C-alpha cells in the first residue's frame, strides 16, 4: 500500500498557521478541520513566527526581486549591443 504525500500551497500553510496563532481553536481542532497532522501545524506556526521579521525587513524581499530584474535587464542590454554591433559590421561591408 503506497501513500502519497500531499503538497500544500504557501497560502494554505499561512492560513493554517495564522489560525493557530489566533488561539481560538486547539491544534487538534485545527488539525481535524484542515486535515493535517497537529505537528505539521506547530511547525508551520513556528516558521511563521520566526520568519515574520523578514517580511518587514528591507521591503519584504522586494530588494532581491529588484536586483534580479536589474540583472536580467543588463543581460538583455548586453545582448542587444552585441547584435547591433554585428549587424552594423555586416552592413558596412
Protein backbone atom coordinates (compact mmCIF):
# COMPACT_ATOMS: atom_id res chain seq x y z
CA UNK A 1 0.00 0.00 0.00
CA UNK A 2 1.60 3.26 -1.08
CA UNK A 3 0.83 6.58 0.48
CA UNK A 4 1.21 9.82 -1.37
CA UNK A 5 2.23 13.00 0.33
CA UNK A 6 0.01 15.98 -0.11
CA UNK A 7 1.70 19.19 -1.05
CA UNK A 8 0.12 22.29 0.41
CA UNK A 9 0.39 25.75 -1.06
CA UNK A 10 2.14 28.52 0.79
CA UNK A 11 -1.14 30.38 1.20
CA UNK A 12 -2.76 27.32 2.79
CA UNK A 13 0.14 26.94 5.21
CA UNK A 14 -0.06 30.62 6.13
CA UNK A 15 -3.80 30.38 6.66
CA UNK A 16 -3.45 27.39 8.99
CA UNK A 17 -0.53 28.97 10.87
CA UNK A 18 -2.47 32.22 11.36
CA UNK A 19 -5.44 30.28 12.69
CA UNK A 20 -3.09 28.55 15.14
CA UNK A 21 -1.66 31.91 16.22
CA UNK A 22 -5.13 33.33 16.86
CA UNK A 23 -5.63 30.68 19.51
CA UNK A 24 -9.39 30.35 19.06
CA UNK A 25 -9.21 26.62 18.45
CA UNK A 26 -6.85 23.98 19.77
CA UNK A 27 -4.23 22.47 17.49
CA UNK A 28 -6.20 19.22 17.48
CA UNK A 29 -9.33 21.03 16.32
CA UNK A 30 -7.40 22.82 13.60
CA UNK A 31 -5.80 19.55 12.51
CA UNK A 32 -9.22 17.98 12.18
CA UNK A 33 -10.69 20.95 10.34
CA UNK A 34 -7.80 21.34 7.87
CA UNK A 35 -6.99 17.60 7.70
CA UNK A 36 -3.30 17.92 8.55
CA UNK A 37 -1.25 16.45 11.37
CA UNK A 38 -1.02 18.56 14.56
CA UNK A 39 2.78 18.52 14.49
CA UNK A 40 2.66 19.98 10.97
CA UNK A 41 0.52 22.85 12.25
CA UNK A 42 3.02 23.50 15.05
CA UNK A 43 5.86 23.51 12.51
CA UNK A 44 4.07 25.99 10.22
CA UNK A 45 3.21 28.18 13.21
CA UNK A 46 6.84 28.22 14.34
CA UNK A 47 8.00 29.02 10.80
CA UNK A 48 5.55 31.91 10.61
CA UNK A 49 6.66 33.37 13.92
CA UNK A 50 10.36 33.00 13.11
CA UNK A 51 10.03 34.37 9.57
CA UNK A 52 7.69 37.26 10.32
CA UNK A 53 10.59 39.64 10.92
CA UNK A 54 11.89 39.06 7.39
CA UNK A 55 8.62 40.29 5.90
CA UNK A 56 9.23 43.79 7.18
CA UNK A 57 12.96 43.87 6.61
CA UNK A 58 14.05 45.94 3.59
CA UNK A 59 10.71 45.94 1.82
CA UNK A 60 9.85 42.30 2.40
CA UNK A 61 12.08 40.70 -0.21
CA UNK A 62 11.37 43.27 -2.89
CA UNK A 63 15.05 44.20 -2.89
CA UNK A 64 16.10 40.75 -4.12
CA UNK A 65 13.40 40.76 -6.78
CA UNK A 66 14.53 44.17 -7.97
CA UNK A 67 18.17 43.06 -8.09
CA UNK A 68 17.17 40.07 -10.20
CA UNK A 69 15.22 42.32 -12.56
CA UNK A 70 18.14 44.74 -12.93
CA UNK A 71 20.49 41.84 -13.63
CA UNK A 72 18.14 40.48 -16.27
CA UNK A 73 17.83 43.91 -17.90
CA UNK A 74 21.61 44.37 -18.01
CA UNK A 75 21.89 40.97 -19.67
CA UNK A 76 19.36 42.00 -22.31
CA UNK A 77 21.18 45.28 -22.90
CA UNK A 78 24.44 43.41 -23.44
CA UNK A 79 22.82 41.01 -25.86
CA UNK A 80 21.25 43.85 -27.84
CA UNK A 81 24.61 45.67 -28.05
CA UNK A 82 26.29 42.56 -29.43
CA UNK A 83 23.52 42.08 -32.00
CA UNK A 84 23.64 45.75 -33.01
CA UNK A 85 27.44 45.68 -33.42
CA UNK A 86 27.18 42.50 -35.50
CA UNK A 87 24.58 43.99 -37.82
CA UNK A 88 26.47 47.26 -38.06
CA UNK A 89 29.65 45.44 -39.19
CA UNK A 90 27.71 43.26 -41.60
CA UNK A 91 26.03 46.12 -43.41
CA UNK A 92 29.15 48.33 -43.55
CA UNK A 93 30.98 45.71 -45.59
